[in-house]
Amino acid sequence: MSVFDRTRNALGLGIVAMLLLTAPAGLGQEPVAGQEKKMVFEEQDSMATVMKRLEGKPVRIRLAGSGEEVIGKLQKVGKELAHLSDLSGREFFDAVVRIDQVSAVSVQVRGR
């Protein structure tokens, strides 16, 4: 190996090391595609507390009685009501749902 080759290799390693050291903190710590996220559920939870944790996420809510499903982004959860936006099939509408009328909430936790 010539002096030129050794110098080129050393410079290459130096550049790689510099890039690794100056990379933003947390780089490479994003969830890997296909990695499973978990739905958090505690024994003392109520429907309202579970829904509060899901704020900002797309959800599917099944209503008690009718069994109708409302699919959209859970914007805000209050004391008695939940606000959903970006409704599936009703793109120009939002919905407000009574929390005591929610029988189930589902959220996507894994992809293909």
N, C-alpha and C. Protein backbone atom coordinates (compact mmCIF):
# COMPACT_ATOMS: atom_id res chain seq x y z
N MET A 1 0.86 -1.17 0.00
CA MET A 1 0.00 0.00 0.00
C MET A 1 0.91 1.23 0.00
N SER A 2 0.62 2.15 -0.88
CA SER A 2 1.46 3.35 -1.01
C SER A 2 1.14 4.37 0.07
N VAL A 3 2.01 5.34 0.21
CA VAL A 3 1.79 6.43 1.17
C VAL A 3 0.51 7.18 0.82
N PHE A 4 0.26 7.34 -0.48
CA PHE A 4 -0.95 8.03 -0.93
C PHE A 4 -2.20 7.29 -0.47
N ASP A 5 -2.22 5.96 -0.61
CA ASP A 5 -3.37 5.16 -0.19
C ASP A 5 -3.59 5.25 1.31
N ARG A 6 -2.51 5.17 2.09
CA ARG A 6 -2.63 5.26 3.55
C ARG A 6 -3.17 6.63 3.97
N THR A 7 -2.68 7.68 3.32
CA THR A 7 -3.14 9.04 3.64
C THR A 7 -4.62 9.19 3.30
N ARG A 8 -5.02 8.68 2.13
CA ARG A 8 -6.42 8.76 1.71
C ARG A 8 -7.32 8.00 2.69
N ASN A 9 -6.92 6.82 3.13
CA ASN A 9 -7.69 6.04 4.09
C ASN A 9 -7.80 6.76 5.43
N ALA A 10 -6.70 7.34 5.89
CA ALA A 10 -6.71 8.06 7.16
C ALA A 10 -7.62 9.27 7.10
N LEU A 11 -7.57 10.00 5.97
CA LEU A 11 -8.46 11.16 5.82
C LEU A 11 -9.92 10.72 5.77
N GLY A 12 -10.17 9.63 5.08
CA GLY A 12 -11.55 9.11 5.00
C GLY A 12 -12.08 8.74 6.37
N LEU A 13 -11.27 8.05 7.16
CA LEU A 13 -11.69 7.68 8.52
C LEU A 13 -11.88 8.91 9.39
N GLY A 14 -11.02 9.91 9.21
CA GLY A 14 -11.14 11.15 9.97
C GLY A 14 -12.44 11.88 9.65
N ILE A 15 -12.81 11.90 8.39
CA ILE A 15 -14.05 12.57 7.99
C ILE A 15 -15.26 11.83 8.55
N VAL A 16 -15.25 10.51 8.48
CA VAL A 16 -16.35 9.72 9.04
C VAL A 16 -16.47 9.97 10.53
N ALA A 17 -15.35 9.95 11.25
CA ALA A 17 -15.37 10.19 12.69
C ALA A 17 -15.91 11.58 13.01
N MET A 18 -15.51 12.58 12.23
CA MET A 18 -15.98 13.94 12.44
C MET A 18 -17.49 14.03 12.22
N LEU A 19 -17.98 13.37 11.18
CA LEU A 19 -19.42 13.39 10.92
C LEU A 19 -20.20 12.73 12.04
N LEU A 20 -19.68 11.62 12.55
CA LEU A 20 -20.36 10.94 13.65
C LEU A 20 -20.37 11.78 14.92
N LEU A 21 -19.28 12.48 15.18
CA LEU A 21 -19.20 13.28 16.39
C LEU A 21 -20.05 14.54 16.31
N THR A 22 -20.27 15.05 15.10
CA THR A 22 -21.05 16.29 14.98
C THR A 22 -22.50 16.02 14.63
N ALA A 23 -22.90 14.75 14.56
CA ALA A 23 -24.30 14.43 14.26
C ALA A 23 -25.18 14.90 15.41
N PRO A 24 -26.42 15.34 15.11
CA PRO A 24 -27.32 15.79 16.17
C PRO A 24 -27.58 14.68 17.17
N ALA A 25 -27.76 15.07 18.43
CA ALA A 25 -28.06 14.08 19.47
C ALA A 25 -29.37 13.39 19.14
N GLY A 26 -29.41 12.11 19.38
CA GLY A 26 -30.63 11.35 19.12
C GLY A 26 -30.69 10.79 17.72
N LEU A 27 -29.70 11.13 16.87
CA LEU A 27 -29.71 10.61 15.52
C LEU A 27 -29.60 9.10 15.57
N GLY A 28 -30.43 8.44 14.80
CA GLY A 28 -30.41 6.99 14.78
C GLY A 28 -31.26 6.37 15.88
N GLN A 29 -31.97 7.18 16.64
CA GLN A 29 -32.80 6.64 17.70
C GLN A 29 -34.27 6.68 17.34
N GLU A 30 -34.58 6.99 16.07
CA GLU A 30 -35.96 6.96 15.64
C GLU A 30 -36.42 5.52 15.61
N PRO A 31 -37.72 5.26 15.82
CA PRO A 31 -38.19 3.88 15.76
C PRO A 31 -37.95 3.30 14.37
N VAL A 32 -37.50 2.09 14.33
CA VAL A 32 -37.24 1.41 13.08
C VAL A 32 -38.57 1.06 12.42
N ALA A 33 -38.62 1.18 11.09
CA ALA A 33 -39.85 0.85 10.37
C ALA A 33 -40.25 -0.57 10.71
N GLY A 34 -41.52 -0.76 11.03
CA GLY A 34 -42.02 -2.07 11.38
C GLY A 34 -41.85 -2.40 12.86
N GLN A 35 -41.13 -1.53 13.59
CA GLN A 35 -40.95 -1.77 15.02
C GLN A 35 -42.29 -1.54 15.71
N GLU A 36 -42.62 -2.40 16.65
CA GLU A 36 -43.91 -2.34 17.31
C GLU A 36 -43.93 -1.26 18.38
N LYS A 37 -44.98 -0.41 18.35
CA LYS A 37 -45.23 0.53 19.43
C LYS A 37 -46.23 -0.17 20.34
N LYS A 38 -46.33 0.26 21.58
CA LYS A 38 -47.25 -0.37 22.50
C LYS A 38 -48.34 0.59 22.91
N MET A 39 -49.53 0.05 23.11
CA MET A 39 -50.62 0.83 23.67
C MET A 39 -50.51 0.70 25.19
N VAL A 40 -50.48 1.82 25.87
CA VAL A 40 -50.30 1.83 27.32
C VAL A 40 -51.66 1.72 27.99
N PHE A 41 -51.77 0.79 28.93
CA PHE A 41 -53.00 0.60 29.69
C PHE A 41 -52.65 0.29 31.13
N GLU A 42 -53.18 1.08 32.03
CA GLU A 42 -52.95 0.87 33.47
C GLU A 42 -54.25 0.37 34.10
N GLU A 43 -54.13 -0.34 35.19
CA GLU A 43 -55.30 -0.94 35.84
C GLU A 43 -56.33 0.10 36.27
N GLN A 44 -55.89 1.27 36.70
CA GLN A 44 -56.80 2.30 37.21
C GLN A 44 -57.36 3.20 36.10
N ASP A 45 -57.03 2.93 34.83
CA ASP A 45 -57.46 3.78 33.72
C ASP A 45 -58.97 3.77 33.51
N SER A 46 -59.45 4.89 33.00
CA SER A 46 -60.84 5.00 32.53
C SER A 46 -60.76 5.25 31.02
N MET A 47 -61.90 5.24 30.37
CA MET A 47 -61.91 5.51 28.93
C MET A 47 -61.32 6.90 28.67
N ALA A 48 -61.63 7.86 29.53
CA ALA A 48 -61.15 9.23 29.35
C ALA A 48 -59.62 9.31 29.45
N THR A 49 -59.02 8.61 30.41
CA THR A 49 -57.56 8.69 30.56
C THR A 49 -56.83 8.01 29.40
N VAL A 50 -57.37 6.91 28.92
CA VAL A 50 -56.77 6.24 27.77
C VAL A 50 -56.86 7.14 26.54
N MET A 51 -58.04 7.74 26.33
CA MET A 51 -58.22 8.63 25.18
C MET A 51 -57.33 9.86 25.30
N LYS A 52 -57.14 10.37 26.49
CA LYS A 52 -56.28 11.55 26.71
C LYS A 52 -54.86 11.24 26.24
N ARG A 53 -54.37 10.03 26.51
CA ARG A 53 -53.03 9.63 26.08
C ARG A 53 -52.93 9.52 24.56
N LEU A 54 -54.06 9.33 23.89
CA LEU A 54 -54.06 9.15 22.44
C LEU A 54 -54.29 10.46 21.68
N GLU A 55 -54.35 11.58 22.38
CA GLU A 55 -54.55 12.87 21.72
C GLU A 55 -53.49 13.07 20.64
N GLY A 56 -53.95 13.55 19.47
CA GLY A 56 -53.05 13.83 18.36
C GLY A 56 -52.85 12.64 17.44
N LYS A 57 -53.40 11.49 17.79
CA LYS A 57 -53.20 10.28 16.98
C LYS A 57 -54.48 9.91 16.23
N PRO A 58 -54.34 9.25 15.09
CA PRO A 58 -55.52 8.75 14.39
C PRO A 58 -56.10 7.55 15.15
N VAL A 59 -57.40 7.58 15.37
CA VAL A 59 -58.07 6.53 16.13
C VAL A 59 -59.36 6.10 15.44
N ARG A 60 -59.86 4.96 15.87
CA ARG A 60 -61.17 4.45 15.44
C ARG A 60 -61.98 4.28 16.72
N ILE A 61 -63.10 4.99 16.81
CA ILE A 61 -63.93 4.96 18.02
C ILE A 61 -65.25 4.28 17.71
N ARG A 62 -65.59 3.26 18.50
CA ARG A 62 -66.88 2.57 18.35
C ARG A 62 -67.83 3.13 19.40
N LEU A 63 -69.03 3.51 18.95
CA LEU A 63 -70.03 4.10 19.84
C LEU A 63 -70.93 3.01 20.43
N ALA A 64 -71.22 3.15 21.72
CA ALA A 64 -72.11 2.20 22.40
C ALA A 64 -73.52 2.35 21.83
N GLY A 65 -74.25 1.28 21.84
CA GLY A 65 -75.63 1.32 21.35
C GLY A 65 -75.71 1.07 19.86
N SER A 66 -75.27 2.04 19.07
CA SER A 66 -75.39 1.92 17.62
C SER A 66 -74.29 1.06 17.01
N GLY A 67 -73.13 1.01 17.67
CA GLY A 67 -71.99 0.27 17.12
C GLY A 67 -71.32 1.01 15.98
N GLU A 68 -71.77 2.22 15.68
CA GLU A 68 -71.18 3.02 14.60
C GLU A 68 -69.73 3.35 14.95
N GLU A 69 -68.88 3.38 13.93
CA GLU A 69 -67.48 3.74 14.13
C GLU A 69 -67.21 5.13 13.56
N VAL A 70 -66.45 5.91 14.31
CA VAL A 70 -66.00 7.21 13.87
C VAL A 70 -64.48 7.12 13.78
N ILE A 71 -63.94 7.40 12.59
CA ILE A 71 -62.50 7.29 12.38
C ILE A 71 -61.96 8.68 12.09
N GLY A 72 -60.95 9.10 12.85
CA GLY A 72 -60.36 10.41 12.65
C GLY A 72 -59.21 10.64 13.60
N LYS A 73 -58.73 11.87 13.61
CA LYS A 73 -57.62 12.25 14.48
C LYS A 73 -58.20 12.79 15.78
N LEU A 74 -57.78 12.21 16.90
CA LEU A 74 -58.27 12.62 18.21
C LEU A 74 -57.57 13.92 18.61
N GLN A 75 -58.27 15.02 18.49
CA GLN A 75 -57.68 16.34 18.75
C GLN A 75 -57.58 16.67 20.23
N LYS A 76 -58.70 16.54 20.94
CA LYS A 76 -58.73 16.96 22.34
C LYS A 76 -59.75 16.12 23.09
N VAL A 77 -59.39 15.79 24.33
CA VAL A 77 -60.29 15.05 25.21
C VAL A 77 -60.55 15.91 26.43
N GLY A 78 -61.82 16.20 26.66
CA GLY A 78 -62.22 17.00 27.82
C GLY A 78 -62.81 16.11 28.89
N LYS A 79 -63.53 16.73 29.81
CA LYS A 79 -64.13 16.00 30.93
C LYS A 79 -65.22 15.05 30.46
N GLU A 80 -66.05 15.50 29.51
CA GLU A 80 -67.17 14.68 29.05
C GLU A 80 -67.16 14.42 27.55
N LEU A 81 -66.38 15.21 26.79
CA LEU A 81 -66.43 15.13 25.33
C LEU A 81 -65.04 14.93 24.73
N ALA A 82 -65.03 14.35 23.52
CA ALA A 82 -63.80 14.19 22.76
C ALA A 82 -64.02 14.80 21.38
N HIS A 83 -63.01 15.52 20.86
CA HIS A 83 -63.09 16.18 19.56
C HIS A 83 -62.24 15.41 18.57
N LEU A 84 -62.85 15.01 17.44
CA LEU A 84 -62.13 14.33 16.37
C LEU A 84 -62.16 15.19 15.12
N SER A 85 -61.02 15.23 14.42
CA SER A 85 -60.94 15.97 13.16
C SER A 85 -60.49 15.02 12.06
N ASP A 86 -60.44 15.50 10.83
CA ASP A 86 -60.00 14.71 9.68
C ASP A 86 -60.74 13.38 9.61
N LEU A 87 -62.07 13.44 9.70
CA LEU A 87 -62.87 12.22 9.70
C LEU A 87 -62.73 11.47 8.39
N SER A 88 -62.60 10.17 8.48
CA SER A 88 -62.49 9.31 7.31
C SER A 88 -63.83 9.27 6.58
N GLY A 89 -63.81 9.57 5.31
CA GLY A 89 -65.04 9.59 4.52
C GLY A 89 -65.84 10.88 4.66
N ARG A 90 -65.43 11.74 5.55
CA ARG A 90 -66.10 13.04 5.78
C ARG A 90 -65.02 14.09 6.00
N GLU A 91 -64.18 14.27 5.00
CA GLU A 91 -62.97 15.09 5.13
C GLU A 91 -63.21 16.53 5.55
N PHE A 92 -64.39 17.06 5.32
CA PHE A 92 -64.67 18.46 5.65
C PHE A 92 -65.41 18.61 6.97
N PHE A 93 -65.45 17.53 7.76
CA PHE A 93 -66.21 17.53 9.00
C PHE A 93 -65.33 17.22 10.19
N ASP A 94 -65.75 17.69 11.35
CA ASP A 94 -65.19 17.30 12.64
C ASP A 94 -66.33 16.68 13.44
N ALA A 95 -66.01 16.01 14.52
CA ALA A 95 -67.03 15.39 15.36
C ALA A 95 -66.70 15.61 16.83
N VAL A 96 -67.75 15.67 17.63
CA VAL A 96 -67.61 15.70 19.08
C VAL A 96 -68.39 14.49 19.60
N VAL A 97 -67.74 13.69 20.43
CA VAL A 97 -68.33 12.45 20.91
C VAL A 97 -68.36 12.48 22.44
N ARG A 98 -69.48 12.02 23.01
CA ARG A 98 -69.56 11.89 24.46
C ARG A 98 -68.70 10.70 24.89
N ILE A 99 -67.80 10.91 25.82
CA ILE A 99 -66.89 9.86 26.26
C ILE A 99 -67.65 8.69 26.88
N ASP A 100 -68.75 8.97 27.59
CA ASP A 100 -69.50 7.87 28.21
C ASP A 100 -70.24 7.02 27.17
N GLN A 101 -70.25 7.44 25.91
CA GLN A 101 -70.89 6.67 24.84
C GLN A 101 -69.88 5.89 24.00
N VAL A 102 -68.60 5.95 24.38
CA VAL A 102 -67.56 5.23 23.64
C VAL A 102 -67.43 3.84 24.24
N SER A 103 -67.59 2.81 23.39
CA SER A 103 -67.44 1.44 23.88
C SER A 103 -66.04 0.89 23.59
N ALA A 104 -65.36 1.42 22.57
CA ALA A 104 -64.01 0.93 22.25
C ALA A 104 -63.25 1.99 21.48
N VAL A 105 -61.94 2.01 21.70
CA VAL A 105 -61.04 2.87 20.95
C VAL A 105 -59.92 1.99 20.41
N SER A 106 -59.67 2.07 19.11
CA SER A 106 -58.54 1.33 18.56
C SER A 106 -57.60 2.30 17.86
N VAL A 107 -56.31 1.96 17.94
CA VAL A 107 -55.27 2.79 17.37
C VAL A 107 -54.25 1.87 16.72
N GLN A 108 -53.71 2.28 15.58
CA GLN A 108 -52.72 1.44 14.89
C GLN A 108 -51.40 1.49 15.64
N VAL A 109 -50.86 0.32 15.97
CA VAL A 109 -49.60 0.26 16.70
C VAL A 109 -48.48 -0.42 15.92
N ARG A 110 -48.79 -1.02 14.79
CA ARG A 110 -47.75 -1.64 13.98
C ARG A 110 -48.12 -1.54 12.52
N GLY A 111 -47.10 -1.52 11.68
CA GLY A 111 -47.30 -1.45 10.24
C GLY A 111 -46.90 -2.76 9.59
N ARG A 112 -46.94 -2.77 8.29
CA ARG A 112 -46.57 -3.99 7.55
C ARG A 112 -45.10 -4.14 7.43
